[in-house]
Amino acid sequence: MQVKRLDHVNVRTNRLDAMVEWYGRVLNMPAGGRPPFDFPGAWLYAGDHAAVHLVGVREEPASGMKLEHFAFSAAGLAEFLARLERDKERYEARRVPGSGVVQINVWDPDGNHIHIDFSPEEAAGVKLKETPRAPMR
């Protein structure tokens, strides 16, 4: 067996509506087709791929998984930054040392860390407020 790619991320939330709204508005990932499971949820799409699966729960999920972040690659850096500024969304911007890839770090309503990666070519000419990385502890 050979793993080819990450298929999706499954996130349990007690803020289902807020999460669907945020992913649609901030990351342009609309809710789409989902099997008729017997529990609430939503599948959020990156193009034609259901990349984030939300599962609605009644109470705040207990911390168990030690996931630091998940990431998407994207195009449209200037438009994305304008959307974040317009909506007053918290974000941090960084260039990956040695590669020039630009990472825009955002946090969904449940506090999950997501970074969106853009090619170095997209960053050319874009005014970037870079955030220094905090030292590891």
Protein backbone atom coordinates (compact mmCIF):
# COMPACT_ATOMS: atom_id res chain seq x y z
CA MET A 1 0.00 0.00 0.00
CA GLN A 2 1.14 3.55 -0.78
CA VAL A 3 -0.53 6.56 0.82
CA LYS A 4 -1.18 9.09 -1.95
CA ARG A 5 -2.64 12.17 -0.25
CA LEU A 6 -4.66 13.37 2.68
CA ASP A 7 -8.32 12.87 1.73
CA HIS A 8 -10.11 14.93 4.38
CA VAL A 9 -10.05 16.24 7.92
CA ASN A 10 -12.90 15.33 10.28
CA VAL A 11 -13.72 17.94 12.90
CA ARG A 12 -16.20 17.50 15.78
CA THR A 13 -17.91 20.75 16.76
CA ASN A 14 -20.75 22.08 18.85
CA ARG A 15 -20.78 25.20 16.64
CA LEU A 16 -21.86 23.54 13.39
CA ASP A 17 -23.65 26.54 11.85
CA ALA A 18 -20.84 28.95 12.76
CA MET A 19 -18.24 26.58 11.34
CA VAL A 20 -20.14 26.13 8.05
CA GLU A 21 -20.51 29.91 7.74
CA TRP A 22 -16.83 30.61 8.55
CA TYR A 23 -15.37 28.04 6.16
CA GLY A 24 -17.67 29.28 3.40
CA ARG A 25 -16.97 32.97 3.99
CA VAL A 26 -13.28 32.91 4.89
CA LEU A 27 -11.92 29.93 2.94
CA ASN A 28 -14.53 29.86 0.15
CA MET A 29 -15.32 26.23 1.03
CA PRO A 30 -19.09 25.80 0.61
CA ALA A 31 -21.11 23.00 2.18
CA GLY A 32 -22.10 20.38 -0.35
CA GLY A 33 -23.30 16.84 -0.82
CA ARG A 34 -23.05 14.55 2.20
CA PRO A 35 -24.40 11.03 2.80
CA PRO A 36 -27.59 10.88 4.90
CA PHE A 37 -25.86 9.98 8.15
CA ASP A 38 -28.02 9.73 11.29
CA PHE A 39 -26.07 12.54 12.99
CA PRO A 40 -25.72 16.25 12.17
CA GLY A 41 -22.83 17.47 10.10
CA ALA A 42 -21.64 19.10 6.92
CA TRP A 43 -19.06 18.42 4.25
CA LEU A 44 -17.12 21.47 3.08
CA TYR A 45 -15.71 21.47 -0.41
CA ALA A 46 -12.44 22.61 -1.97
CA GLY A 47 -13.48 22.54 -5.61
CA ASP A 48 -15.12 19.16 -6.15
CA HIS A 49 -13.46 17.53 -3.13
CA ALA A 50 -15.05 17.27 0.34
CA ALA A 51 -11.90 18.24 2.25
CA VAL A 52 -13.38 19.10 5.67
CA HIS A 53 -16.03 16.89 7.27
CA LEU A 54 -17.81 18.50 10.22
CA VAL A 55 -19.65 16.39 12.78
CA GLY A 56 -22.14 18.19 14.99
CA VAL A 57 -21.97 17.30 18.69
CA ARG A 58 -23.98 18.65 21.66
CA GLU A 59 -21.10 19.52 23.96
CA GLU A 60 -17.66 20.98 23.46
CA PRO A 61 -15.48 18.08 22.25
CA ALA A 62 -12.94 16.88 24.78
CA SER A 63 -9.36 17.41 23.71
CA GLY A 64 -7.88 14.12 22.66
CA MET A 65 -6.15 14.43 19.33
CA LYS A 66 -2.96 16.45 19.29
CA LEU A 67 -3.38 17.99 15.84
CA GLU A 68 -1.43 21.25 15.60
CA HIS A 69 -2.80 22.30 12.20
CA PHE A 70 -3.97 21.22 8.80
CA ALA A 71 -3.16 22.99 5.56
CA PHE A 72 -4.45 23.72 2.08
CA SER A 73 -2.61 24.97 -0.97
CA ALA A 74 -4.44 27.74 -2.79
CA ALA A 75 -4.31 30.45 -5.45
CA GLY A 76 -5.51 34.03 -5.10
CA LEU A 77 -3.32 35.44 -2.30
CA ALA A 78 -4.21 39.12 -2.80
CA GLU A 79 -7.95 38.37 -2.88
CA PHE A 80 -7.66 36.17 0.22
CA LEU A 81 -5.76 38.82 2.20
CA ALA A 82 -8.33 41.45 1.17
CA ARG A 83 -11.15 39.17 2.42
CA LEU A 84 -9.39 38.60 5.75
CA GLU A 85 -8.84 42.34 6.21
CA ARG A 86 -12.42 43.21 5.17
CA ASP A 87 -13.90 40.67 7.60
CA LYS A 88 -11.39 41.60 10.36
CA GLU A 89 -10.30 37.96 10.64
CA ARG A 90 -7.23 37.20 12.73
CA TYR A 91 -4.37 35.88 10.60
CA GLU A 92 -0.61 35.54 10.60
CA ALA A 93 1.53 35.62 7.46
CA ARG A 94 4.92 33.95 7.05
CA ARG A 95 7.32 32.95 4.30
CA VAL A 96 8.70 29.43 4.55
CA PRO A 97 12.50 29.76 4.84
CA GLY A 98 14.34 28.55 1.78
CA SER A 99 11.24 28.06 -0.37
CA GLY A 100 9.47 31.41 -0.56
CA VAL A 101 6.10 29.74 -0.05
CA VAL A 102 3.75 32.10 1.77
CA GLN A 103 1.68 30.67 4.63
CA ILE A 104 -1.40 32.49 5.82
CA ASN A 105 -2.40 31.10 9.22
CA VAL A 106 -6.05 31.36 10.32
CA TRP A 107 -8.17 29.89 13.12
CA ASP A 108 -11.75 28.67 12.71
CA PRO A 109 -14.50 29.37 15.29
CA ASP A 110 -13.43 26.30 17.31
CA GLY A 111 -9.81 27.48 17.37
CA ASN A 112 -8.46 24.92 14.86
CA HIS A 113 -5.27 26.19 13.23
CA ILE A 114 -5.29 26.08 9.42
CA HIS A 115 -2.62 27.40 7.12
CA ILE A 116 -3.17 28.25 3.50
CA ASP A 117 -0.07 27.98 1.30
CA PHE A 118 0.54 30.19 -1.72
CA SER A 119 3.35 29.95 -4.27
CA PRO A 120 6.26 32.42 -4.12
CA GLU A 121 5.17 33.79 -7.51
CA GLU A 122 1.83 34.87 -6.04
CA ALA A 123 3.56 36.80 -3.28
CA ALA A 124 5.48 38.95 -5.76
CA GLY A 125 4.11 42.47 -5.50
CA VAL A 126 1.76 41.64 -2.61
CA LYS A 127 2.27 43.73 0.53
CA LEU A 128 2.61 41.13 3.27
CA LYS A 129 2.49 41.93 6.98
CA GLU A 130 4.74 39.09 8.07
CA THR A 131 4.36 37.71 11.59
CA PRO A 132 7.51 36.41 13.27
CA ARG A 133 7.29 32.82 14.41
CA ALA A 134 7.22 32.38 18.17
CA PRO A 135 10.12 30.37 19.60
CA MET A 136 9.45 26.67 20.31
CA ARG A 137 8.93 25.74 23.96
